[in-house]
């Protein structure tokens, strides 16, 4: 049995580990050879998924196909489905998620709580946008935005026009979204098959330069608020006709509301803690869900877990330069993604600590992260 993954980055790599542990072969299709996941399988296909000859060659060795990001054009998924391949997420789901304006319109139609939003079609639309959602607001690329790329905070007309010019060079279509004053950023992972759905604990995410830096599980919320967040995540996945694994990011606002920021149809940075922190990792449930297998328990193995991203601190080879210091603490779980090159701010790996006391493991994780040079 072979699982094909469109994409070869760290999310594909960790999904591959889960698949291999369960006894499945894995095929990777990535633009460049020797990707973090592609370098770990004999079934490595190199080139663009828009190349139908290559795509069919890849598909021919796969029994199930999934992806590691939502940037694959949904029409490529449609093609795979047309030749009889089982793909999760489906082309329908990708078409509802890929464009953030369509994603938000879909969620709104299903009464999911969201920040106010509006299409930003023209450079002259500042007065219309600010009149509808107020100032400041966030201007966003409708596609290809991640880790803060494709976003700009707008406080006045001059900033809007400059941001419009900059972002339309990245992607031609934009949307504007209400600026949210939040107490906490949250995320929930959920896995769904045709027969069942399971939801992971609600976690707090802390950003650094628009990149998820720290994840604390579970988030410090009341039981009723956590249950509400989990329910919103479930409703969001159902709204996009989703099967497989999904990450749903939310704001907990200063006014006590929960608002969905965005969702991803794949393993998510906020779920990396589950490898050591939960009975079944997000990556294993990713594999189980796309194959329609019974889902694993999402219960935590200890009361708390902390995950910190290891962002590149130097430009150069993508290896840890001081393994002895990186592994000085026996409680630290170190994950390095196998990227050939490091650059400042690039996601190169992560560490996880689990334990019985939230404050002590958070401190331990921060101390360890500062010591690691990559």
Protein backbone atom coordinates (compact mmCIF):
# COMPACT_ATOMS: atom_id res chain seq x y z
CA UNK A 1 0.00 0.00 0.00
CA UNK A 2 1.46 3.36 -1.01
CA UNK A 3 0.54 6.87 0.13
CA UNK A 4 1.43 9.75 -2.18
CA UNK A 5 2.13 13.23 -0.81
CA UNK A 6 2.12 16.33 -2.99
CA UNK A 7 4.94 18.33 -1.42
CA UNK A 8 8.18 17.32 0.24
CA UNK A 9 8.74 19.71 3.16
CA UNK A 10 8.75 19.07 6.88
CA UNK A 11 5.03 18.31 7.09
CA UNK A 12 5.42 15.64 4.40
CA UNK A 13 8.54 14.34 6.19
CA UNK A 14 6.76 13.86 9.51
CA UNK A 15 3.73 12.34 7.77
CA UNK A 16 6.14 9.95 6.01
CA UNK A 17 7.59 8.89 9.36
CA UNK A 18 4.08 8.04 10.59
CA UNK A 19 3.22 6.14 7.39
CA UNK A 20 6.44 4.10 7.40
CA UNK A 21 5.99 3.21 11.07
CA UNK A 22 2.57 1.79 10.17
CA UNK A 23 4.06 -0.25 7.32
CA UNK A 24 3.07 1.87 4.31
CA UNK A 25 5.25 2.98 1.40
CA UNK A 26 5.33 6.69 0.61
CA UNK A 27 5.80 8.56 -2.67
CA UNK A 28 6.76 12.24 -2.76
CA UNK A 29 6.24 14.76 -5.56
CA UNK A 30 8.25 17.94 -5.08
CA UNK A 31 9.69 20.53 -7.45
CA UNK A 32 13.30 20.01 -6.38
CA UNK A 33 15.16 16.75 -5.63
CA UNK A 34 16.38 15.87 -2.15
CA UNK A 35 13.58 17.60 -0.25
CA UNK A 36 13.21 16.87 3.50
CA UNK A 37 10.69 14.11 2.69
CA UNK A 38 11.82 13.17 -0.82
CA UNK A 39 15.29 12.23 0.39
CA UNK A 40 13.78 9.53 2.61
CA UNK A 41 11.99 7.46 -0.03
CA UNK A 42 12.91 5.63 -3.22
CA UNK A 43 9.62 6.87 -4.68
CA UNK A 44 10.73 10.47 -5.16
CA UNK A 45 9.26 12.32 -8.15
CA UNK A 46 10.76 15.66 -9.12
CA UNK A 47 8.96 18.39 -11.03
CA UNK A 48 5.80 20.43 -11.10
CA UNK A 49 2.43 18.81 -10.31
CA UNK A 50 1.03 20.79 -13.24
CA UNK A 51 3.02 18.45 -15.51
CA UNK A 52 0.29 15.87 -16.23
CA UNK A 53 2.68 13.24 -17.53
CA UNK A 54 4.71 13.41 -14.31
CA UNK A 55 1.57 13.65 -12.19
CA UNK A 56 0.12 10.51 -13.74
CA UNK A 57 3.42 8.65 -13.26
CA UNK A 58 3.36 9.65 -9.59
CA UNK A 59 -0.33 8.73 -9.24
CA UNK A 60 0.22 5.30 -10.77
CA UNK A 61 2.30 4.15 -7.78
CA UNK A 62 -0.14 5.59 -5.20
CA UNK A 63 -3.20 4.00 -3.59
CA UNK A 64 -4.08 7.16 -1.64
CA UNK A 65 -2.95 10.74 -2.21
CA UNK A 66 -2.77 13.72 0.14
CA UNK A 67 -0.88 17.02 0.30
CA UNK A 68 1.22 19.03 2.70
CA UNK A 69 -0.07 22.48 1.78
CA UNK A 70 -3.19 24.04 0.31
CA UNK A 71 -1.37 25.86 -2.49
CA UNK A 72 -1.83 23.01 -4.99
CA UNK A 73 -4.36 24.21 -7.57
CA UNK A 74 -7.66 22.42 -6.93
CA UNK A 75 -7.85 21.58 -10.65
CA UNK A 76 -4.79 19.33 -10.19
CA UNK A 77 -6.74 17.47 -7.50
CA UNK A 78 -9.71 17.31 -9.89
CA UNK A 79 -7.47 15.67 -12.50
CA UNK A 80 -6.27 13.05 -10.00
CA UNK A 81 -9.87 12.32 -9.07
CA UNK A 82 -10.82 12.05 -12.74
CA UNK A 83 -8.30 9.21 -13.23
CA UNK A 84 -9.78 7.34 -10.28
CA UNK A 85 -7.44 8.34 -7.45
CA UNK A 86 -8.58 8.74 -3.84
CA UNK A 87 -7.44 12.18 -2.69
CA UNK A 88 -7.96 13.86 0.68
CA UNK A 89 -8.57 16.74 0.95
CA UNK A 90 -10.80 16.64 -2.11
CA UNK A 91 -10.81 19.16 -4.95
CA UNK A 92 -14.10 20.52 -3.60
CA UNK A 93 -12.59 21.16 -0.17
CA UNK A 94 -9.44 22.74 -1.62
CA UNK A 95 -11.57 25.01 -3.82
CA UNK A 96 -13.37 26.25 -0.70
CA UNK A 97 -10.20 26.79 1.36
CA UNK A 98 -7.48 27.86 -1.09
CA UNK A 99 -8.87 31.35 -1.72
CA UNK A 100 -9.18 33.02 1.69
CA UNK A 101 -12.12 35.16 0.60
CA UNK A 102 -14.04 32.08 -0.55
CA UNK A 103 -12.98 30.30 2.65
CA UNK A 104 -14.41 33.08 4.80
CA UNK A 105 -17.57 33.36 2.71
CA UNK A 106 -18.09 29.61 3.09
CA UNK A 107 -17.56 29.69 6.86
CA UNK A 108 -19.84 32.72 7.22
CA UNK A 109 -22.59 30.91 5.30
CA UNK A 110 -22.41 28.19 7.98
CA UNK A 111 -22.58 30.70 10.84
CA UNK A 112 -18.95 30.28 11.92
CA UNK A 113 -17.85 33.36 13.95
CA UNK A 114 -15.33 35.44 11.98
CA UNK A 115 -13.77 38.91 11.95
CA UNK A 116 -15.49 41.28 9.52
CA UNK A 117 -14.05 41.02 6.01
CA UNK A 118 -14.53 42.39 2.50
CA UNK A 119 -12.93 41.95 -0.93
CA UNK A 120 -10.26 44.54 -1.76
CA UNK A 121 -10.52 44.60 -5.53
CA UNK A 122 -9.19 48.05 -6.37
CA UNK A 123 -6.57 50.51 -5.21
CA UNK A 124 -9.32 53.13 -4.92
CA UNK A 125 -11.39 51.02 -2.46
CA UNK A 126 -9.89 52.45 0.75
CA UNK A 127 -12.91 54.55 1.72
CA UNK A 128 -15.33 51.68 1.08
CA UNK A 129 -13.24 49.22 3.08
CA UNK A 130 -12.50 51.50 6.03
CA UNK A 131 -16.15 52.56 6.15
CA UNK A 132 -17.23 48.92 6.40
CA UNK A 133 -14.67 47.40 8.79
CA UNK A 134 -13.03 50.45 10.35
CA UNK A 135 -9.37 51.28 11.00
CA UNK A 136 -6.88 49.78 11.32
CA UNK A 137 -7.49 46.73 9.13
CA UNK A 138 -5.37 43.94 7.69
CA UNK A 139 -4.89 43.63 3.94
CA UNK A 140 -4.26 40.03 2.83
CA UNK A 141 -3.42 38.06 -0.29
CA UNK A 142 -6.30 35.73 -1.04
CA UNK A 143 -3.87 32.96 -2.02
CA UNK A 144 -0.26 31.96 -1.22
CA UNK A 145 -0.15 33.73 2.15
CA UNK A 146 1.58 32.08 5.13
CA UNK A 147 3.84 32.99 8.08
CA UNK A 148 2.96 36.65 7.66
CA UNK A 149 3.83 36.70 3.96
CA UNK A 150 1.01 38.32 2.04
CA UNK A 151 -0.32 40.40 4.98
CA UNK A 152 -0.07 44.11 5.77
CA UNK A 153 -1.51 46.23 8.59
CA UNK A 154 -3.23 49.34 7.21
CA UNK A 155 -3.80 52.47 9.32
CA UNK A 156 -4.48 55.06 6.63
CA UNK A 157 -5.04 55.59 2.91
CA UNK A 158 -1.36 56.02 2.08
CA UNK A 159 -0.49 52.72 3.77
CA UNK A 160 -3.38 51.01 1.96
CA UNK A 161 -2.18 52.13 -1.46
CA UNK A 162 1.42 51.10 -0.74
CA UNK A 163 0.30 47.71 0.64
CA UNK A 164 -2.05 47.17 -2.31
CA UNK A 165 0.80 47.66 -4.78
CA UNK A 166 3.15 45.39 -2.81
CA UNK A 167 0.69 42.55 -2.23
CA UNK A 168 -0.75 42.47 -5.73
CA UNK A 169 2.75 41.65 -6.96
CA UNK A 170 2.48 38.49 -4.82
CA UNK A 171 -1.08 37.61 -5.81
CA UNK A 172 -3.51 39.65 -7.88
CA UNK A 173 -6.55 39.26 -5.59
CA UNK A 174 -6.76 40.67 -2.06
CA UNK A 175 -9.18 40.91 0.84
CA UNK A 176 -9.37 43.21 3.83
CA UNK A 177 -10.13 41.99 7.32
CA UNK A 178 -11.01 43.68 10.60
CA UNK A 179 -8.02 44.11 12.93
CA UNK A 180 -8.72 41.92 15.98
CA UNK A 181 -7.68 42.94 19.47
CA UNK A 182 -7.06 39.51 20.96
CA UNK A 183 -6.11 38.13 24.37
CA UNK A 184 -4.81 34.90 22.92
CA UNK A 185 -4.33 33.08 19.63
CA UNK A 186 -5.64 29.53 19.63
CA UNK A 187 -5.58 26.51 17.36
CA UNK A 188 -7.42 23.20 17.18
CA UNK A 189 -6.50 20.13 15.13
CA UNK A 190 -9.30 17.83 13.96
CA UNK A 191 -9.28 14.56 12.00
CA UNK A 192 -12.31 13.26 10.14
CA UNK A 193 -13.26 10.16 8.17
CA UNK A 194 -16.61 9.15 6.70
CA UNK A 195 -17.32 7.28 9.96
CA UNK A 196 -15.90 9.43 12.77
CA UNK A 197 -14.26 12.67 13.83
CA UNK A 198 -11.82 13.35 16.63
CA UNK A 199 -10.52 16.65 17.98
CA UNK A 200 -7.26 17.48 19.75
CA UNK A 201 -6.95 19.80 22.76
CA UNK A 202 -7.22 23.55 22.19
CA UNK A 203 -3.72 25.06 22.24
CA UNK A 204 -2.33 28.55 22.63
CA UNK A 205 -0.01 29.76 19.87
CA UNK A 206 2.49 32.57 20.29
CA UNK A 207 3.89 34.25 17.18
CA UNK A 208 7.36 35.67 16.54
CA UNK A 209 7.69 37.88 13.45
CA UNK A 210 4.38 36.46 12.18
CA UNK A 211 5.67 32.86 12.49
CA UNK A 212 4.24 30.43 15.02
CA UNK A 213 7.03 30.21 17.60
CA UNK A 214 5.55 28.62 20.72
CA UNK A 215 2.64 26.25 21.25
CA UNK A 216 1.30 25.55 24.74
CA UNK A 217 -1.05 22.60 25.20
CA UNK A 218 -3.65 22.83 26.49
CA UNK A 219 -4.49 26.54 26.34
CA UNK A 220 -5.35 28.17 29.65
CA UNK A 221 -9.11 28.35 29.06
CA UNK A 222 -12.21 27.44 30.99
CA UNK A 223 -13.72 24.07 30.11
CA UNK A 224 -16.77 25.72 28.56
CA UNK A 225 -14.65 28.02 26.36
CA UNK A 226 -12.41 25.13 25.27
CA UNK A 227 -15.48 23.06 24.38
CA UNK A 228 -16.82 25.99 22.38
CA UNK A 229 -13.55 26.27 20.45
CA UNK A 230 -13.59 22.54 19.69
CA UNK A 231 -17.19 22.81 18.47
CA UNK A 232 -16.26 25.73 16.18
CA UNK A 233 -13.40 23.64 14.74
CA UNK A 234 -15.77 20.73 14.06
CA UNK A 235 -18.30 23.00 12.39
CA UNK A 236 -15.55 24.62 10.28
CA UNK A 237 -14.33 21.27 8.94
CA UNK A 238 -17.87 20.22 8.09
CA UNK A 239 -18.52 23.58 6.39
CA UNK A 240 -15.79 22.91 3.81
CA UNK A 241 -16.88 19.28 3.35
CA UNK A 242 -13.57 18.27 4.87
CA UNK A 243 -12.16 14.79 5.38
CA UNK A 244 -8.62 14.16 6.53
CA UNK A 245 -6.71 16.38 8.97
CA UNK A 246 -7.40 20.10 9.56
CA UNK A 247 -5.95 22.91 11.62
CA UNK A 248 -8.31 25.70 12.64
CA UNK A 249 -6.75 28.92 13.96
CA UNK A 250 -8.79 31.27 16.15
CA UNK A 251 -8.62 34.51 18.07
CA UNK A 252 -9.85 34.77 21.65
CA UNK A 253 -10.71 38.46 21.68
CA UNK A 254 -10.43 41.05 24.42
CA UNK A 255 -14.26 41.04 24.46
CA UNK A 256 -14.36 37.31 25.21
CA UNK A 257 -15.34 36.13 21.72
CA UNK A 258 -13.90 33.27 19.67
CA UNK A 259 -13.33 34.14 15.99
CA UNK A 260 -11.87 31.86 13.31
CA UNK A 261 -8.80 33.38 11.68
CA UNK A 262 -8.20 30.73 9.02
CA UNK A 263 -8.00 26.99 8.47
CA UNK A 264 -5.59 24.58 6.81
CA UNK A 265 -6.47 21.17 5.29
CA UNK A 266 -3.30 19.39 6.46
CA UNK A 267 -0.97 18.85 9.42
CA UNK A 268 -0.27 22.15 11.10
CA UNK A 269 2.56 23.76 13.03
CA UNK A 270 0.31 24.06 16.07
CA UNK A 271 -0.02 20.25 16.14
CA UNK A 272 3.66 19.27 16.25
CA UNK A 273 3.47 18.86 20.04
CA UNK A 274 1.21 15.82 19.48
CA UNK A 275 4.17 13.63 18.45
CA UNK A 276 5.28 13.31 22.07
CA UNK A 277 2.33 15.01 23.74
CA UNK A 278 -0.61 12.85 22.66
CA UNK A 279 -1.42 9.15 22.40
CA UNK A 280 -1.70 9.54 18.59
CA UNK A 281 0.19 12.27 16.76
CA UNK A 282 -1.49 14.55 14.24
CA UNK A 283 0.67 12.90 11.58
CA UNK A 284 -0.52 9.40 12.37
CA UNK A 285 -4.14 10.56 12.39
CA UNK A 286 -3.44 12.32 9.10
CA UNK A 287 -2.43 8.96 7.59
CA UNK A 288 -5.29 7.11 9.26
CA UNK A 289 -7.90 9.63 8.16
CA UNK A 290 -6.98 9.75 4.46
CA UNK A 291 -7.07 5.94 4.36
CA UNK A 292 -10.38 5.72 6.20
CA UNK A 293 -8.84 3.80 9.09
CA UNK A 294 -10.09 4.05 12.69
CA UNK A 295 -8.73 7.21 14.28
CA UNK A 296 -6.36 7.16 17.24
CA UNK A 297 -6.83 8.74 20.65
CA UNK A 298 -6.11 12.48 20.87
CA UNK A 299 -5.71 12.42 24.66
CA UNK A 300 -2.53 13.94 26.09
CA UNK A 301 -0.06 11.59 27.74
CA UNK A 302 0.90 14.20 30.37
CA UNK A 303 -1.03 17.24 31.60
CA UNK A 304 1.03 19.76 29.58
CA UNK A 305 3.22 20.02 26.49
CA UNK A 306 5.22 22.90 25.02
CA UNK A 307 6.53 23.05 21.45
CA UNK A 308 8.94 25.71 20.21
CA UNK A 309 9.93 26.17 16.57
CA UNK A 310 13.64 26.28 15.88
CA UNK A 311 14.03 29.18 13.49
CA UNK A 312 17.29 29.61 11.62
CA UNK A 313 19.80 31.70 13.55
CA UNK A 314 22.50 31.67 10.86
CA UNK A 315 22.74 31.47 7.08
CA UNK A 316 24.45 28.29 5.94
CA UNK A 317 24.18 24.52 6.21
CA UNK A 318 20.92 23.27 7.73
CA UNK A 319 22.44 21.29 10.59
CA UNK A 320 22.63 21.87 14.31
CA UNK A 321 26.01 23.39 15.07
CA UNK A 322 26.05 22.40 18.76
CA UNK A 323 24.32 19.06 19.27
CA UNK A 324 25.83 18.62 22.72
CA UNK A 325 24.06 21.75 23.95
CA UNK A 326 20.92 20.95 21.98
CA UNK A 327 20.64 17.61 23.79
CA UNK A 328 21.87 18.73 27.21
CA UNK A 329 18.45 18.12 28.79
CA UNK A 330 17.15 14.52 28.69
CA UNK A 331 13.54 15.79 28.64
CA UNK A 332 13.97 17.69 25.37
CA UNK A 333 12.64 16.04 22.21
CA UNK A 334 14.58 17.41 19.23
CA UNK A 335 13.25 17.36 15.65
CA UNK A 336 15.40 18.62 12.76
CA UNK A 337 13.69 18.85 9.37
CA UNK A 338 16.54 17.96 7.03
CA UNK A 339 16.54 21.18 5.04
CA UNK A 340 19.81 21.57 3.19
CA UNK A 341 20.17 25.27 3.90
CA UNK A 342 19.40 27.38 6.94
CA UNK A 343 18.60 31.06 6.78
CA UNK A 344 17.68 33.47 9.53
CA UNK A 345 14.02 33.01 10.46
CA UNK A 346 13.46 29.82 8.44
CA UNK A 347 11.69 26.90 10.14
CA UNK A 348 14.48 24.36 10.62
CA UNK A 349 13.06 22.13 13.34
CA UNK A 350 11.27 22.12 16.68
CA UNK A 351 11.61 20.95 20.26
CA UNK A 352 8.94 19.57 22.55
CA UNK A 353 8.80 19.19 26.32
CA UNK A 354 6.04 17.40 28.22
CA UNK A 355 5.38 17.44 31.94
CA UNK A 356 3.12 18.04 34.91
CA UNK A 357 3.73 21.74 35.44
CA UNK A 358 3.01 24.28 32.70
CA UNK A 359 5.32 27.01 33.94
CA UNK A 360 8.38 24.79 34.48
CA UNK A 361 8.26 23.06 31.08
CA UNK A 362 7.71 26.39 29.32
CA UNK A 363 10.82 27.78 31.02
CA UNK A 364 12.78 24.62 30.19
CA UNK A 365 11.77 24.84 26.52
CA UNK A 366 12.78 28.50 26.21
CA UNK A 367 16.18 27.83 27.82
CA UNK A 368 16.80 24.96 25.41
CA UNK A 369 15.73 26.91 22.33
CA UNK A 370 18.21 29.70 23.12
CA UNK A 371 21.07 27.22 23.29
CA UNK A 372 20.42 25.58 19.92
CA UNK A 373 22.25 27.09 16.93
CA UNK A 374 21.13 26.07 13.45
